[in-house]
Amino acid sequence: MRDRTEADDIVQGAANRALLDLILPPARIAAKKVGYAITVHGSLNRDIDLVAVPWREGAVGIDGLSKAVSGAIAGVTGSCLEHDKWTDKPHGRKARTLLVYCGQTHMDVDLSVMPTRPATLTIEEKDDA
């Protein structure tokens, strides 16, 4: 495999930015419906990095989130496949790659998900315990 050039980053980055403009609004709506907020991280030179953060009580599990986001992306592009199994990342984060096919190529969307945590007692509830 040849070394990656500056031209590779420029061309791939332009394609990723164009794709991101198309998929981010519906991905955010889909994630919000299942209890998450989505933000973008990274340079976009090689892939699109999305980070999902649990935002409300009752957020679905990571598989439900992945299906919601990949479905929203497929609604725009016609195709989005959950490429691999979840990978463990620092701080309990999980990540997987979504393959998005556009034209004659595919682009990678890396979906990272911060963990949910058990509900905690409020200060008032702790005082009553």
Foldseek 3Di string as FASTA:
>chain_A
DDDDDPVLLVVQLVVQVVLCVQQVVLLQVLQVVQAWGWDWDDDSSAATEIEIEGHDPRRDDPVSSVVSSQVSSCVRQVGKAFDDDWDADPQRKIWTWIWGDHDPDIGIYIYIYHDDDDDDDDPVRVVVD
